[in-house]
Amino acid sequence: MALAYGSFHELSHQLRFLLFEMGIALSQQHIDYYITLAHRTYLKKLQQAAIEEGFISAPLMSHHVHDFLEQLRSKLKETLPESRFFSWDKLYYQCNETIANTAL
């Protein structure tokens, strides 16, 4: 899912190299599988958190964390003007880090 958009290509290589350095050899396909699984799980958690916080009333149609955040950002501009002061760049970074840590 996430890998179809190509955003995690670099992460895939980094994780594979890190695991290889630790003596764990996995194929690129295995690494991609775990990144995709971590991404899917995290996207569901983000959707649920946004609903629970009242930012959205129903899940947004998205197959990628970054796309979801862009949609959320756009939606919040309309309903919550102060969201323009949110640290969106930090949120993107933290999402990527969470996906990497979960995949690892």
Protein backbone atom coordinates (compact mmCIF):
# COMPACT_ATOMS: atom_id res chain seq x y z
CA MET A 1 0.00 0.00 0.00
CA ALA A 2 2.47 2.66 1.14
CA LEU A 3 5.22 1.37 -1.05
CA ALA A 4 3.08 1.81 -4.14
CA TYR A 5 3.47 5.56 -3.65
CA GLY A 6 7.25 5.23 -3.34
CA SER A 7 7.62 7.29 -0.18
CA PHE A 8 9.29 4.57 1.81
CA HIS A 9 11.87 3.45 -0.73
CA GLU A 10 14.73 5.04 1.22
CA LEU A 11 13.41 3.69 4.52
CA SER A 12 13.26 0.22 3.04
CA HIS A 13 16.94 0.32 2.10
CA GLN A 14 17.95 1.82 5.44
CA LEU A 15 16.17 -0.87 7.44
CA ARG A 16 17.57 -3.63 5.26
CA PHE A 17 21.11 -2.30 5.69
CA LEU A 18 20.69 -1.85 9.45
CA LEU A 19 19.42 -5.39 9.87
CA PHE A 20 22.21 -6.72 7.66
CA GLU A 21 24.78 -4.94 9.85
CA MET A 22 23.22 -6.67 12.86
CA GLY A 23 23.57 -10.03 11.14
CA ILE A 24 19.94 -10.37 10.07
CA ALA A 25 19.58 -10.85 6.34
CA LEU A 26 16.10 -10.25 4.99
CA SER A 27 15.03 -9.86 1.41
CA GLN A 28 13.80 -6.53 0.12
CA GLN A 29 10.36 -8.10 -0.21
CA HIS A 30 10.29 -8.96 3.51
CA ILE A 31 11.38 -5.47 4.51
CA ASP A 32 8.76 -3.91 2.24
CA TYR A 33 6.12 -6.19 3.75
CA TYR A 34 6.91 -5.05 7.30
CA ILE A 35 6.97 -1.39 6.31
CA THR A 36 3.61 -1.78 4.57
CA LEU A 37 2.16 -3.54 7.60
CA ALA A 38 3.48 -0.84 9.96
CA HIS A 39 2.16 1.87 7.66
CA ARG A 40 -1.32 0.36 7.42
CA THR A 41 -1.53 -0.06 11.19
CA TYR A 42 -0.35 3.49 11.87
CA LEU A 43 -2.74 4.98 9.32
CA LYS A 44 -5.65 3.26 11.07
CA LYS A 45 -4.46 4.62 14.42
CA LEU A 46 -4.20 8.14 13.02
CA GLN A 47 -7.69 7.91 11.55
CA GLN A 48 -9.09 6.70 14.86
CA ALA A 49 -7.28 9.38 16.87
CA ALA A 50 -8.59 12.13 14.57
CA ILE A 51 -12.14 10.82 15.02
CA GLU A 52 -11.79 10.50 18.80
CA GLU A 53 -10.41 14.05 19.04
CA GLY A 54 -13.36 15.33 17.03
CA PHE A 55 -11.25 16.63 14.14
CA ILE A 56 -13.23 14.50 11.68
CA SER A 57 -16.53 12.66 12.00
CA ALA A 58 -15.70 9.75 9.69
CA PRO A 59 -12.48 8.24 8.32
CA LEU A 60 -10.98 10.09 5.36
CA MET A 61 -10.42 8.07 2.21
CA SER A 62 -6.66 7.66 2.10
CA HIS A 63 -4.11 4.93 1.51
CA HIS A 64 -1.08 6.85 2.70
CA VAL A 65 -0.20 8.63 5.94
CA HIS A 66 1.06 11.75 4.16
CA ASP A 67 -2.09 11.96 2.05
CA PHE A 68 -4.22 11.55 5.17
CA LEU A 69 -2.34 14.36 6.92
CA GLU A 70 -2.78 16.65 3.91
CA GLN A 71 -6.51 15.95 3.85
CA LEU A 72 -6.74 16.50 7.59
CA ARG A 73 -4.77 19.72 7.33
CA SER A 74 -7.07 20.98 4.59
CA LYS A 75 -10.21 19.99 6.50
CA LEU A 76 -8.98 21.63 9.71
CA LYS A 77 -8.25 24.89 7.88
CA GLU A 78 -11.99 25.19 7.36
CA THR A 79 -13.20 24.07 10.77
CA LEU A 80 -10.31 25.00 13.07
CA PRO A 81 -8.48 28.11 11.79
CA GLU A 82 -5.86 27.96 14.54
CA SER A 83 -4.63 24.67 13.03
CA ARG A 84 -2.44 26.75 10.74
CA PHE A 85 -0.17 27.16 13.77
CA PHE A 86 0.17 23.41 14.30
CA SER A 87 3.65 21.94 13.78
CA TRP A 88 2.73 19.93 10.68
CA ASP A 89 6.35 19.36 9.65
CA LYS A 90 7.12 17.80 13.01
CA LEU A 91 4.02 15.62 12.71
CA TYR A 92 5.14 14.33 9.30
CA TYR A 93 8.59 13.56 10.70
CA GLN A 94 7.17 11.79 13.75
CA CYS A 95 4.85 9.73 11.56
CA ASN A 96 7.79 8.57 9.44
CA GLU A 97 9.80 7.72 12.55
CA THR A 98 6.91 5.76 14.06
CA ILE A 99 6.45 3.76 10.89
CA ALA A 100 10.18 2.99 10.77
CA ASN A 101 10.30 1.95 14.43
CA THR A 102 7.23 -0.22 14.11
CA ALA A 103 8.56 -1.91 10.98
CA LEU A 104 11.86 -2.56 12.70
